[in-house]
N, C-alpha and C. Protein backbone atom coordinates (compact mmCIF):
# COMPACT_ATOMS: atom_id res chain seq x y z
N MET A 1 9.36 30.94 1.91
CA MET A 1 8.09 31.02 2.85
C MET A 1 8.13 29.72 3.78
N GLU A 2 7.74 30.18 4.80
CA GLU A 2 7.67 28.84 5.83
C GLU A 2 6.26 28.83 6.54
N ILE A 3 5.49 27.78 6.29
CA ILE A 3 4.28 27.60 6.97
C ILE A 3 4.22 26.63 8.17
N ASP A 4 3.45 26.63 9.21
CA ASP A 4 3.15 25.79 10.33
C ASP A 4 2.54 24.67 10.26
N LEU A 5 2.71 23.05 9.97
CA LEU A 5 1.84 22.08 9.91
C LEU A 5 1.69 21.11 11.15
N ALA A 6 0.89 21.34 12.14
CA ALA A 6 0.95 20.38 13.06
C ALA A 6 1.99 20.67 13.96
N GLY A 7 2.73 21.91 14.19
CA GLY A 7 3.54 22.39 15.11
C GLY A 7 4.64 22.21 14.72
N PHE A 8 5.08 21.77 13.07
CA PHE A 8 6.35 21.67 12.41
C PHE A 8 6.32 22.68 11.44
N ASP A 9 7.52 23.54 11.20
CA ASP A 9 8.08 24.38 10.27
C ASP A 9 8.22 23.61 9.03
N ILE A 10 7.74 23.75 7.97
CA ILE A 10 7.78 23.19 6.62
C ILE A 10 8.25 24.23 5.83
N LYS A 11 9.42 24.12 5.28
CA LYS A 11 9.65 25.43 4.03
C LYS A 11 9.12 24.68 2.61
N ILE A 12 8.54 25.53 1.99
CA ILE A 12 7.85 25.64 0.63
C ILE A 12 8.54 25.89 -0.36
N SER A 13 8.76 24.70 -1.23
CA SER A 13 9.41 24.96 -2.46
C SER A 13 8.88 25.73 -3.63
N ASP A 14 9.83 26.35 -4.51
CA ASP A 14 9.09 26.96 -5.66
C ASP A 14 8.43 26.34 -6.57
N ASP A 15 8.36 25.16 -6.92
CA ASP A 15 8.06 24.30 -7.77
C ASP A 15 6.20 24.13 -7.19
N ILE A 16 5.98 24.00 -5.84
CA ILE A 16 4.60 23.82 -5.12
C ILE A 16 4.59 24.87 -3.90
N ASN A 17 3.52 25.32 -4.15
CA ASN A 17 3.61 26.70 -3.25
C ASN A 17 2.82 26.41 -1.67
N THR A 18 2.07 25.30 -1.61
CA THR A 18 1.31 25.02 -0.91
C THR A 18 1.30 23.76 -0.31
N TRP A 19 1.07 23.32 0.85
CA TRP A 19 0.91 21.95 1.35
C TRP A 19 -0.59 21.73 0.70
N GLU A 20 -1.71 22.51 0.50
CA GLU A 20 -2.77 22.31 -0.02
C GLU A 20 -2.88 21.80 -1.43
N GLU A 21 -1.91 22.27 -2.16
CA GLU A 21 -1.39 21.64 -3.64
C GLU A 21 -0.82 20.04 -3.41
N VAL A 22 -0.23 19.76 -2.45
CA VAL A 22 0.39 18.56 -2.32
C VAL A 22 -0.51 17.60 -1.98
N ASN A 23 -1.53 18.03 -0.82
CA ASN A 23 -2.68 17.24 -0.85
C ASN A 23 -3.44 17.07 -1.91
N LEU A 24 -4.10 17.91 -2.76
CA LEU A 24 -4.77 17.89 -3.68
C LEU A 24 -4.26 17.00 -4.91
N LEU A 25 -2.91 17.10 -4.97
CA LEU A 25 -2.22 15.97 -6.08
C LEU A 25 -2.06 14.49 -5.64
N TYR A 26 -1.79 14.40 -4.26
CA TYR A 26 -1.71 12.82 -3.95
C TYR A 26 -3.10 12.38 -3.91
N ASN A 27 -4.14 13.07 -3.31
CA ASN A 27 -5.44 12.74 -3.26
C ASN A 27 -5.83 12.39 -4.63
N SER A 28 -5.68 12.88 -5.43
CA SER A 28 -6.18 12.83 -7.06
C SER A 28 -5.71 11.56 -7.60
N ALA A 29 -4.07 11.35 -7.25
CA ALA A 29 -3.80 9.91 -7.49
C ALA A 29 -4.35 8.93 -7.10
N LEU A 30 -4.83 9.05 -5.90
CA LEU A 30 -5.37 8.04 -4.99
C LEU A 30 -6.80 7.49 -5.83
N LYS A 31 -7.42 8.90 -5.97
CA LYS A 31 -8.76 8.56 -6.95
C LYS A 31 -8.83 7.75 -8.17
N GLN A 32 -7.80 8.18 -9.02
CA GLN A 32 -7.21 7.34 -9.85
C GLN A 32 -6.82 6.19 -9.81
N ILE A 33 -6.18 5.69 -8.94
CA ILE A 33 -5.65 4.55 -8.79
C ILE A 33 -7.02 3.64 -7.95
N GLN A 34 -7.53 4.10 -7.43
CA GLN A 34 -9.12 3.59 -6.85
C GLN A 34 -10.17 3.22 -7.98
N THR A 35 -10.04 4.16 -9.02
CA THR A 35 -10.97 3.89 -9.98
C THR A 35 -10.64 2.98 -11.13
N LYS A 36 -9.28 2.74 -11.38
CA LYS A 36 -8.64 1.79 -11.90
C LYS A 36 -9.02 0.41 -11.21
N ILE A 37 -8.81 0.27 -9.91
CA ILE A 37 -8.78 -0.96 -9.27
C ILE A 37 -10.51 -1.14 -9.61
N GLU A 38 -11.42 -0.46 -9.29
CA GLU A 38 -12.84 -0.82 -9.26
C GLU A 38 -13.02 -1.17 -10.42
N ILE A 39 -12.60 -0.75 -11.36
CA ILE A 39 -13.11 -1.25 -12.89
C ILE A 39 -12.46 -2.60 -13.18
N LEU A 40 -11.39 -3.01 -13.00
CA LEU A 40 -10.74 -4.02 -12.78
C LEU A 40 -11.50 -4.86 -12.26
N ASN A 41 -11.98 -4.92 -11.18
CA ASN A 41 -12.73 -5.74 -10.21
C ASN A 41 -13.97 -5.92 -10.97
N GLU A 42 -14.71 -4.94 -11.41
CA GLU A 42 -15.80 -5.03 -12.05
C GLU A 42 -15.84 -6.01 -13.22
N GLU A 43 -14.69 -5.66 -13.80
CA GLU A 43 -14.39 -6.54 -15.19
C GLU A 43 -14.32 -7.86 -14.66
N PHE A 44 -13.33 -8.36 -13.88
CA PHE A 44 -13.02 -9.83 -13.53
C PHE A 44 -14.40 -10.34 -12.91
N GLN A 45 -15.25 -9.55 -12.24
CA GLN A 45 -16.51 -10.25 -12.14
C GLN A 45 -17.16 -10.47 -13.15
N GLU A 46 -17.67 -9.57 -14.39
CA GLU A 46 -18.25 -9.85 -15.61
C GLU A 46 -17.89 -11.35 -16.07
N VAL A 47 -16.55 -11.18 -16.35
CA VAL A 47 -15.82 -12.04 -17.06
C VAL A 47 -15.59 -13.33 -16.31
N HIS A 48 -15.20 -13.48 -14.89
CA HIS A 48 -14.87 -14.92 -14.62
C HIS A 48 -15.79 -15.20 -13.32
N ARG A 49 -16.81 -14.03 -13.30
CA ARG A 49 -17.99 -14.03 -12.29
C ARG A 49 -17.44 -14.61 -10.69
N TYR A 50 -16.18 -13.65 -10.70
CA TYR A 50 -15.21 -13.76 -9.41
C TYR A 50 -14.56 -12.33 -9.14
N ASN A 51 -14.52 -11.97 -7.63
CA ASN A 51 -14.20 -10.83 -7.07
C ASN A 51 -12.78 -11.01 -6.46
N PRO A 52 -11.54 -10.64 -7.36
CA PRO A 52 -10.10 -10.81 -6.43
C PRO A 52 -10.10 -10.12 -5.43
N ILE A 53 -10.71 -8.90 -5.35
CA ILE A 53 -10.48 -7.76 -4.20
C ILE A 53 -11.70 -7.75 -3.22
N GLU A 54 -11.36 -8.33 -1.85
CA GLU A 54 -12.48 -7.67 -0.95
C GLU A 54 -12.59 -6.63 -0.71
N HIS A 55 -11.69 -5.61 -0.20
CA HIS A 55 -11.88 -4.25 -0.17
C HIS A 55 -10.80 -3.57 -0.37
N VAL A 56 -10.62 -2.16 -0.35
CA VAL A 56 -9.60 -1.32 -0.89
C VAL A 56 -9.60 -0.06 0.38
N LYS A 57 -8.51 0.24 1.10
CA LYS A 57 -8.19 1.10 1.90
C LYS A 57 -7.09 2.17 1.22
N ALA A 58 -7.43 3.49 1.42
CA ALA A 58 -6.62 4.59 0.92
C ALA A 58 -6.64 5.64 1.90
N ARG A 59 -5.27 6.22 1.78
CA ARG A 59 -4.84 7.14 2.86
C ARG A 59 -3.94 8.27 2.38
N VAL A 60 -3.99 9.50 2.62
CA VAL A 60 -2.74 10.40 2.50
C VAL A 60 -1.89 10.95 3.73
N LYS A 61 -0.77 10.73 4.08
CA LYS A 61 0.01 10.47 5.14
C LYS A 61 -0.21 12.15 5.94
N ALA A 62 -0.33 11.80 7.14
CA ALA A 62 -0.50 13.15 7.72
C ALA A 62 1.13 13.96 7.49
N PRO A 63 0.99 15.11 7.70
CA PRO A 63 2.18 15.95 7.53
C PRO A 63 3.08 16.06 8.63
N GLU A 64 2.85 15.56 10.00
CA GLU A 64 3.52 15.16 10.97
C GLU A 64 4.33 13.94 10.73
N SER A 65 3.77 12.90 10.18
CA SER A 65 4.28 11.85 9.98
C SER A 65 5.37 11.68 8.75
N ILE A 66 5.08 12.55 7.96
CA ILE A 66 5.91 13.09 6.87
C ILE A 66 7.35 13.45 7.44
N VAL A 67 7.05 14.59 7.94
CA VAL A 67 8.24 15.29 8.74
C VAL A 67 9.08 14.35 9.33
N LYS A 68 8.40 13.64 10.20
CA LYS A 68 9.25 12.81 11.15
C LYS A 68 9.89 11.63 10.36
N LYS A 69 9.35 11.26 9.27
CA LYS A 69 10.15 10.45 8.38
C LYS A 69 11.24 10.96 7.60
N LEU A 70 10.93 12.30 7.48
CA LEU A 70 12.57 12.96 6.52
C LEU A 70 13.38 13.27 7.57
N LYS A 71 13.16 13.54 9.02
CA LYS A 71 13.91 13.93 10.05
C LYS A 71 14.80 12.39 10.49
N ARG A 72 14.19 11.37 10.43
CA ARG A 72 14.64 10.06 10.88
C ARG A 72 15.75 9.59 9.75
N ASN A 73 15.45 10.30 8.34
CA ASN A 73 16.27 9.62 7.25
C ASN A 73 17.72 10.94 6.86
N GLY A 74 17.34 11.91 7.67
CA GLY A 74 18.40 12.81 7.70
C GLY A 74 18.33 13.91 6.56
N TYR A 75 16.75 14.35 6.30
CA TYR A 75 16.31 15.37 5.22
C TYR A 75 15.91 16.42 5.97
N GLU A 76 16.25 17.50 5.34
CA GLU A 76 15.44 18.96 5.70
C GLU A 76 13.88 18.59 5.30
N SER A 77 13.23 19.46 6.18
CA SER A 77 11.53 19.16 6.00
C SER A 77 11.11 20.46 5.16
N THR A 78 11.07 19.84 3.58
CA THR A 78 10.83 20.86 2.59
C THR A 78 9.98 19.73 1.80
N ILE A 79 8.81 20.81 1.20
CA ILE A 79 8.18 20.18 0.39
C ILE A 79 8.77 19.40 -0.73
N GLU A 80 9.70 19.68 -1.55
CA GLU A 80 10.72 19.12 -2.23
C GLU A 80 11.06 18.10 -1.71
N ASN A 81 11.49 17.84 -0.77
CA ASN A 81 12.01 16.64 -0.15
C ASN A 81 11.07 15.60 0.07
N MET A 82 10.00 16.05 0.61
CA MET A 82 8.77 15.05 0.59
C MET A 82 8.43 14.42 -0.53
N VAL A 83 8.33 15.41 -1.45
CA VAL A 83 7.94 14.46 -2.92
C VAL A 83 9.04 13.77 -3.40
N ARG A 84 10.21 14.10 -3.34
CA ARG A 84 11.48 13.26 -3.54
C ARG A 84 11.67 12.29 -2.82
N TYR A 85 11.82 12.45 -1.69
CA TYR A 85 12.07 10.88 -0.64
C TYR A 85 11.19 10.19 0.03
N VAL A 86 9.86 10.64 -0.09
CA VAL A 86 8.83 9.92 0.62
C VAL A 86 7.71 9.47 -0.23
N ASN A 87 8.23 8.13 -0.48
CA ASN A 87 7.51 7.32 -1.48
C ASN A 87 6.16 7.02 -1.20
N ASP A 88 5.56 7.00 0.07
CA ASP A 88 4.31 6.46 0.75
C ASP A 88 3.38 7.74 0.97
N ILE A 89 3.45 9.11 0.77
CA ILE A 89 2.59 10.02 0.85
C ILE A 89 1.13 9.58 0.52
N ALA A 90 1.16 9.16 -0.53
CA ALA A 90 -0.41 8.35 -0.79
C ALA A 90 -0.16 6.81 -0.68
N GLY A 91 -1.07 6.53 0.14
CA GLY A 91 -1.31 4.77 -0.04
C GLY A 91 -2.10 4.20 -0.36
N ILE A 92 -2.42 3.28 -0.89
CA ILE A 92 -3.36 2.30 -0.93
C ILE A 92 -3.09 0.92 -0.81
N ARG A 93 -4.26 0.37 0.14
CA ARG A 93 -4.11 -1.11 0.54
C ARG A 93 -5.07 -1.80 -0.19
N ILE A 94 -4.61 -3.22 -0.71
CA ILE A 94 -5.53 -3.88 -1.45
C ILE A 94 -5.62 -5.36 -0.93
N ILE A 95 -6.92 -5.45 -0.37
CA ILE A 95 -7.28 -6.67 0.34
C ILE A 95 -7.79 -7.55 -0.36
N CYS A 96 -7.32 -8.96 -0.54
CA CYS A 96 -7.96 -10.13 -1.56
C CYS A 96 -7.88 -11.29 -0.34
N SER A 97 -8.55 -12.23 -0.79
CA SER A 97 -8.95 -13.48 -0.38
C SER A 97 -7.56 -14.40 -0.39
N PHE A 98 -7.19 -14.48 -1.46
CA PHE A 98 -6.11 -15.44 -1.96
C PHE A 98 -4.75 -15.24 -1.67
N THR A 99 -3.73 -15.75 -1.67
CA THR A 99 -2.13 -15.46 -2.27
C THR A 99 -2.27 -15.12 -3.73
N SER A 100 -2.86 -16.07 -4.33
CA SER A 100 -2.83 -15.88 -5.81
C SER A 100 -3.43 -14.89 -6.75
N ASP A 101 -4.09 -14.03 -6.13
CA ASP A 101 -4.85 -12.87 -6.13
C ASP A 101 -4.24 -11.64 -6.09
N ILE A 102 -3.03 -11.99 -5.32
CA ILE A 102 -1.87 -10.97 -4.95
C ILE A 102 -1.21 -10.31 -6.37
N TYR A 103 -0.66 -11.62 -6.96
CA TYR A 103 -0.03 -11.33 -8.09
C TYR A 103 -0.70 -11.26 -9.18
N ARG A 104 -2.15 -11.90 -9.34
CA ARG A 104 -2.94 -11.35 -10.63
C ARG A 104 -3.05 -9.74 -10.40
N ILE A 105 -3.44 -9.25 -9.14
CA ILE A 105 -3.90 -7.81 -9.27
C ILE A 105 -2.46 -7.02 -9.65
N ALA A 106 -1.42 -7.44 -9.05
CA ALA A 106 -0.36 -6.50 -9.53
C ALA A 106 0.06 -6.54 -10.62
N GLU A 107 -0.02 -7.76 -11.70
CA GLU A 107 0.02 -7.96 -12.50
C GLU A 107 -1.14 -6.93 -13.75
N MET A 108 -2.12 -7.09 -13.03
CA MET A 108 -3.48 -6.06 -13.93
C MET A 108 -2.69 -4.51 -13.65
N ILE A 109 -2.36 -4.12 -12.55
CA ILE A 109 -2.20 -2.76 -12.16
C ILE A 109 -0.90 -2.49 -13.21
N SER A 110 0.38 -3.28 -13.30
CA SER A 110 1.21 -3.01 -14.10
C SER A 110 1.09 -3.00 -15.66
N ASN A 111 0.20 -3.31 -16.06
CA ASN A 111 -0.26 -3.44 -17.20
C ASN A 111 -0.89 -2.32 -17.97
N GLN A 112 -1.20 -1.55 -16.94
CA GLN A 112 -2.11 -0.03 -17.04
C GLN A 112 -1.15 1.01 -17.92
N LYS A 113 -1.36 1.33 -18.94
CA LYS A 113 -0.28 1.85 -19.80
C LYS A 113 0.29 3.08 -19.25
N ASP A 114 -0.69 4.09 -18.21
CA ASP A 114 -0.18 5.38 -18.02
C ASP A 114 0.49 4.98 -16.32
N ILE A 115 0.57 3.98 -15.86
CA ILE A 115 1.19 3.59 -14.74
C ILE A 115 2.82 2.75 -14.71
N GLN A 116 3.51 3.71 -14.04
CA GLN A 116 5.06 3.06 -14.26
C GLN A 116 5.09 2.60 -12.70
N VAL A 117 5.80 1.74 -13.03
CA VAL A 117 6.08 0.68 -11.79
C VAL A 117 7.60 0.99 -11.25
N LEU A 118 7.58 1.73 -10.46
CA LEU A 118 9.28 2.08 -9.99
C LEU A 118 9.82 1.16 -9.31
N THR A 119 9.12 0.46 -8.13
CA THR A 119 9.95 -0.64 -7.48
C THR A 119 8.85 -1.56 -7.07
N VAL A 120 9.40 -2.70 -6.65
CA VAL A 120 8.43 -3.91 -5.96
C VAL A 120 9.28 -4.59 -4.86
N LYS A 121 8.67 -5.06 -3.93
CA LYS A 121 9.11 -5.63 -2.67
C LYS A 121 8.06 -6.60 -2.38
N ASP A 122 8.66 -7.91 -2.72
CA ASP A 122 7.69 -8.76 -2.23
C ASP A 122 8.12 -9.49 -1.04
N TYR A 123 7.33 -9.07 -0.04
CA TYR A 123 7.48 -9.89 1.33
C TYR A 123 6.82 -10.81 1.49
N ILE A 124 6.08 -11.30 0.82
CA ILE A 124 5.34 -12.88 0.51
C ILE A 124 6.41 -13.94 0.24
N MET A 125 7.32 -13.62 -0.84
CA MET A 125 8.27 -14.56 -1.09
C MET A 125 9.36 -14.51 -0.23
N ASN A 126 9.75 -13.36 0.05
CA ASN A 126 10.67 -12.97 1.11
C ASN A 126 10.40 -12.36 2.31
N PRO A 127 9.46 -12.61 3.56
CA PRO A 127 9.13 -12.13 4.59
C PRO A 127 10.01 -11.27 5.39
N LYS A 128 9.84 -10.45 6.10
CA LYS A 128 10.38 -9.69 6.73
C LYS A 128 10.82 -10.70 7.93
N ALA A 129 11.90 -10.21 8.97
CA ALA A 129 12.56 -10.97 10.18
C ALA A 129 11.31 -11.11 10.98
N SER A 130 10.49 -10.12 10.91
CA SER A 130 9.29 -9.99 12.16
C SER A 130 8.16 -11.09 11.79
N GLY A 131 8.15 -11.53 10.33
CA GLY A 131 7.15 -12.23 10.04
C GLY A 131 6.12 -11.64 8.88
N TYR A 132 6.43 -10.38 8.67
CA TYR A 132 5.32 -9.37 7.97
C TYR A 132 5.38 -10.07 6.66
N ARG A 133 4.48 -10.17 5.80
CA ARG A 133 3.98 -10.34 4.73
C ARG A 133 3.27 -9.51 3.93
N SER A 134 3.56 -9.42 2.53
CA SER A 134 2.74 -8.18 1.81
C SER A 134 3.35 -8.04 0.48
N TYR A 135 2.65 -7.56 -0.52
CA TYR A 135 3.05 -7.43 -1.79
C TYR A 135 3.41 -5.58 -2.00
N HIS A 136 4.81 -5.04 -2.03
CA HIS A 136 4.41 -3.65 -2.12
C HIS A 136 5.10 -3.29 -3.60
N MET A 137 4.33 -2.31 -4.08
CA MET A 137 4.73 -1.35 -5.31
C MET A 137 4.58 -0.36 -5.19
N ILE A 138 5.85 0.73 -5.48
CA ILE A 138 5.47 1.93 -5.61
C ILE A 138 5.53 2.21 -7.13
N VAL A 139 4.41 3.19 -7.49
CA VAL A 139 4.07 3.14 -8.89
C VAL A 139 4.13 4.88 -9.15
N SER A 140 4.10 5.10 -10.31
CA SER A 140 3.68 6.76 -10.55
C SER A 140 2.88 6.78 -11.48
N LEU A 141 2.09 7.83 -11.71
CA LEU A 141 1.00 8.12 -12.75
C LEU A 141 0.58 9.56 -12.47
N PRO A 142 0.24 9.94 -14.07
CA PRO A 142 0.11 11.44 -14.39
C PRO A 142 -1.40 11.91 -13.68
N VAL A 143 -1.38 13.17 -12.93
CA VAL A 143 -2.38 13.97 -12.43
C VAL A 143 -2.40 15.21 -13.43
N TYR A 144 -3.57 15.47 -13.83
CA TYR A 144 -3.65 16.25 -15.18
C TYR A 144 -4.32 17.48 -14.56
N LEU A 145 -3.58 18.62 -14.33
CA LEU A 145 -3.68 19.97 -13.73
C LEU A 145 -4.43 20.66 -15.09
N SER A 146 -4.71 22.17 -14.63
CA SER A 146 -5.24 22.81 -15.39
C SER A 146 -4.15 23.47 -16.40
N ASP A 147 -2.67 23.44 -15.91
CA ASP A 147 -2.08 24.12 -16.56
C ASP A 147 -0.47 23.17 -16.60
N ARG A 148 -1.01 22.10 -16.27
CA ARG A 148 0.44 21.03 -16.21
C ARG A 148 0.08 19.53 -16.06
N ILE A 149 1.31 18.87 -15.85
CA ILE A 149 0.66 17.39 -15.66
C ILE A 149 1.70 17.01 -14.76
N VAL A 150 1.43 16.53 -13.73
CA VAL A 150 2.44 16.36 -12.61
C VAL A 150 2.54 14.77 -12.44
N ASN A 151 3.57 13.99 -12.20
CA ASN A 151 3.56 12.55 -12.16
C ASN A 151 3.54 12.41 -10.12
N VAL A 152 2.76 11.69 -10.10
CA VAL A 152 2.66 11.42 -8.29
C VAL A 152 3.16 9.85 -8.13
N LYS A 153 3.81 9.80 -7.03
CA LYS A 153 4.04 8.38 -6.81
C LYS A 153 2.72 8.15 -5.79
N VAL A 154 2.55 6.54 -5.77
CA VAL A 154 1.84 6.20 -4.93
C VAL A 154 2.27 4.65 -4.85
N GLU A 155 2.39 4.44 -3.10
CA GLU A 155 2.47 3.07 -2.66
C GLU A 155 1.18 2.23 -2.36
N ILE A 156 1.51 1.10 -3.16
CA ILE A 156 0.56 -0.05 -3.31
C ILE A 156 0.59 -1.19 -2.64
N GLN A 157 -0.10 -1.39 -1.42
CA GLN A 157 0.01 -2.80 -0.84
C GLN A 157 -0.80 -3.88 -0.91
N ILE A 158 -0.49 -4.82 -1.60
CA ILE A 158 -1.67 -6.09 -1.89
C ILE A 158 -1.41 -7.16 -0.69
N ARG A 159 -2.24 -7.34 -0.26
CA ARG A 159 -2.07 -8.64 0.66
C ARG A 159 -3.39 -9.39 0.93
N THR A 160 -3.29 -10.57 1.62
CA THR A 160 -4.75 -11.22 1.96
C THR A 160 -5.46 -10.81 3.29
N VAL A 161 -6.68 -11.18 3.56
CA VAL A 161 -7.28 -10.92 4.71
C VAL A 161 -6.42 -11.29 5.78
N ALA A 162 -5.89 -12.24 5.59
CA ALA A 162 -5.24 -13.15 6.91
C ALA A 162 -3.95 -12.21 7.21
N MET A 163 -3.02 -12.15 6.03
CA MET A 163 -1.67 -10.79 6.31
C MET A 163 -2.14 -9.37 6.84
N ASP A 164 -3.48 -9.05 6.54
CA ASP A 164 -3.91 -7.90 6.87
C ASP A 164 -4.30 -7.67 8.42
N PHE A 165 -4.91 -8.87 8.66
CA PHE A 165 -5.29 -8.94 10.38
C PHE A 165 -3.81 -9.22 10.98
N TRP A 166 -3.04 -10.14 10.57
CA TRP A 166 -1.78 -9.85 11.39
C TRP A 166 -0.97 -8.72 11.39
N ALA A 167 -0.92 -8.10 10.36
CA ALA A 167 -0.27 -6.78 10.09
C ALA A 167 -0.79 -5.54 10.87
N SER A 168 -2.18 -5.44 10.96
CA SER A 168 -2.95 -4.87 12.09
C SER A 168 -2.28 -4.94 13.46
N LEU A 169 -2.41 -6.00 13.92
CA LEU A 169 -1.90 -6.72 15.24
C LEU A 169 -0.55 -6.02 15.66
N GLU A 170 0.22 -6.57 14.62
CA GLU A 170 1.64 -6.31 14.77
C GLU A 170 1.84 -4.82 15.01
N HIS A 171 1.19 -3.95 14.09
CA HIS A 171 1.16 -2.39 13.97
C HIS A 171 0.77 -1.79 15.40
N LYS A 172 -0.13 -2.29 15.95
CA LYS A 172 -0.71 -1.73 17.20
C LYS A 172 0.10 -2.41 18.43
N ILE A 173 0.99 -3.39 18.30
CA ILE A 173 1.76 -3.72 19.62
C ILE A 173 2.82 -3.01 19.24
N GLN A 174 3.67 -2.81 18.14
CA GLN A 174 4.70 -2.26 17.88
C GLN A 174 4.60 -1.00 18.39
N TYR A 175 3.17 -0.23 17.99
CA TYR A 175 3.07 1.43 18.55
C TYR A 175 3.09 1.45 19.86
N LYS A 176 2.45 0.48 20.70
CA LYS A 176 2.18 0.34 22.24
C LYS A 176 3.94 0.58 22.74
N PHE A 177 4.63 -0.53 22.20
CA PHE A 177 5.88 -0.43 22.87
C PHE A 177 6.60 0.41 22.39
N GLU A 178 6.59 1.13 21.25
CA GLU A 178 7.43 2.32 20.68
C GLU A 178 8.47 1.56 20.02
N GLY A 179 7.86 0.41 19.35
CA GLY A 179 8.94 -0.46 18.47
C GLY A 179 9.99 -1.35 19.67
N LYS A 180 9.65 -1.68 20.67
CA LYS A 180 10.40 -2.28 21.48
C LYS A 180 9.54 -3.04 22.47
N ALA A 181 8.74 -4.04 21.74
CA ALA A 181 8.01 -5.00 22.25
C ALA A 181 8.82 -6.19 22.87
N PRO A 182 8.62 -6.39 24.11
CA PRO A 182 9.33 -7.56 24.85
C PRO A 182 9.65 -8.84 23.69
N GLN A 183 10.56 -9.53 23.84
CA GLN A 183 11.08 -10.63 22.99
C GLN A 183 9.79 -11.77 22.82
N HIS A 184 9.32 -12.16 23.89
CA HIS A 184 8.46 -13.37 24.08
C HIS A 184 7.09 -12.82 22.99
N ILE A 185 7.01 -11.47 22.82
CA ILE A 185 5.66 -11.08 22.04
C ILE A 185 6.19 -11.03 20.67
N ASN A 186 7.44 -10.89 20.61
CA ASN A 186 7.90 -10.75 19.00
C ASN A 186 7.76 -12.17 18.66
N THR A 187 8.28 -13.21 19.51
CA THR A 187 8.45 -14.40 19.34
C THR A 187 7.19 -15.30 18.84
N GLU A 188 6.06 -14.67 19.73
CA GLU A 188 4.60 -15.36 19.47
C GLU A 188 4.15 -14.77 18.26
N LEU A 189 4.11 -13.39 17.72
CA LEU A 189 4.19 -12.70 16.62
C LEU A 189 4.68 -13.33 15.32
N LEU A 190 5.63 -13.73 15.52
CA LEU A 190 6.35 -14.52 14.42
C LEU A 190 5.43 -15.99 14.09
N GLU A 191 5.45 -16.58 15.30
CA GLU A 191 4.62 -17.94 15.30
C GLU A 191 3.19 -17.46 14.73
N CYS A 192 2.77 -16.61 15.05
CA CYS A 192 1.51 -16.26 14.61
C CYS A 192 1.42 -15.97 12.92
N ALA A 193 2.65 -15.19 12.32
CA ALA A 193 2.84 -15.11 11.02
C ALA A 193 3.14 -16.40 10.34
N THR A 194 3.43 -17.53 10.91
CA THR A 194 3.70 -18.77 10.21
C THR A 194 2.11 -19.29 10.10
N MET A 195 1.38 -19.11 11.10
CA MET A 195 0.32 -19.82 11.35
C MET A 195 -0.72 -19.13 10.02
N VAL A 196 -0.41 -17.86 9.79
CA VAL A 196 -1.20 -17.07 8.78
C VAL A 196 -1.07 -17.36 7.38
N SER A 197 0.52 -18.09 7.27
CA SER A 197 0.62 -18.28 6.08
C SER A 197 0.55 -19.97 5.66
N ASN A 198 0.23 -20.50 6.70
CA ASN A 198 -0.36 -21.61 6.25
C ASN A 198 -1.60 -21.82 6.46
N LEU A 199 -2.26 -20.74 6.85
CA LEU A 199 -3.69 -20.60 6.63
C LEU A 199 -4.14 -20.21 5.39
N ASP A 200 -3.61 -19.24 4.78
CA ASP A 200 -3.42 -19.03 3.51
C ASP A 200 -3.28 -19.87 2.36
N GLU A 201 -1.93 -20.92 2.46
CA GLU A 201 -1.82 -22.00 1.62
C GLU A 201 -3.16 -22.93 1.90
N LYS A 202 -3.81 -23.48 3.14
CA LYS A 202 -4.92 -23.82 2.89
C LYS A 202 -6.05 -23.66 2.15
N MET A 203 -6.39 -22.13 2.41
CA MET A 203 -7.62 -21.74 1.83
C MET A 203 -7.39 -21.82 0.60
N LEU A 204 -6.19 -21.66 0.08
CA LEU A 204 -5.84 -21.52 -1.67
C LEU A 204 -6.02 -22.77 -2.34
N GLN A 205 -5.69 -23.94 -1.59
CA GLN A 205 -5.78 -25.39 -1.78
C GLN A 205 -7.36 -25.79 -2.01
N LEU A 206 -8.15 -25.17 -0.79
CA LEU A 206 -9.60 -25.79 -0.49
C LEU A 206 -10.24 -24.81 -2.13
N ASN A 207 -10.14 -23.61 -1.95
CA ASN A 207 -10.39 -22.86 -3.17
C ASN A 207 -10.26 -23.54 -4.45
N ASP A 208 -9.16 -23.81 -4.76
CA ASP A 208 -8.73 -24.69 -6.08
C ASP A 208 -9.37 -26.27 -6.09
N GLU A 209 -9.75 -26.55 -5.03
CA GLU A 209 -10.34 -28.09 -5.16
C GLU A 209 -12.08 -27.69 -5.57
N ILE A 210 -12.54 -26.55 -4.86
CA ILE A 210 -14.03 -26.18 -5.32
C ILE A 210 -13.97 -25.80 -6.61
N LEU A 211 -13.13 -25.26 -7.06
CA LEU A 211 -13.22 -24.90 -8.58
C LEU A 211 -12.80 -25.98 -9.36
N ALA A 212 -11.90 -27.05 -9.03
CA ALA A 212 -12.01 -28.34 -10.05
C ALA A 212 -13.41 -28.73 -10.02
N VAL A 213 -14.01 -29.03 -8.48
CA VAL A 213 -15.29 -29.73 -8.73
C VAL A 213 -16.27 -28.95 -9.67
N GLU A 214 -16.44 -27.69 -9.51
CA GLU A 214 -17.36 -26.82 -10.39
C GLU A 214 -16.81 -27.13 -12.00
N ALA A 215 -15.71 -27.37 -12.23
CA ALA A 215 -15.27 -27.56 -13.51
C ALA A 215 -15.86 -28.70 -13.96
N GLU A 216 -16.22 -29.91 -13.37
CA GLU A 216 -16.77 -31.22 -13.58
C GLU A 216 -17.88 -31.38 -14.05
N LYS A 217 -18.83 -30.05 -13.27
CA LYS A 217 -19.86 -30.13 -13.48
C LYS A 217 -20.45 -30.23 -15.25
């Protein structure tokens, strides 16, 4: 059977009958991750009087974006290939104040017993050539349906407010120029990325000094 999604013909696999079911599974996985993050943040506030998380953004990738990604990587546009080869159908972005929070949050997520960490890409310790910095995790967690349990992949991106600001601007620029921005703009973006990294480092040092003063009281 084939259905039409946003102008694309997508073949449905035998295991999952409709796009609506795929949407249900990934939205359910996002809800679970969001709840876990909220609980961790509330617990951290209760125990340490500090919120490591500024805010959280979540989304399920649009069908046309998924199909384009499959075609770009040479895969047929089937539901089976979506689930198997596209790791960011469900995506959640965690924005925090300081670089140290990123690794603290990643560790707290990894310690959840029903979450399996599949891959980690640390673009903070190893930034992309463009200057992009963020911490990426692909995780899998079970979604409990009425008749079965389905393990669903979610991409988690963790970054500071400053990193998120830079990444948002860089995305808009690359989208405007279709990934072919003039060299002088790319150079300036890279310089800004260095400034963002220095700012994050300064803010972390300032926060550590404030905590040290409070501890002496």
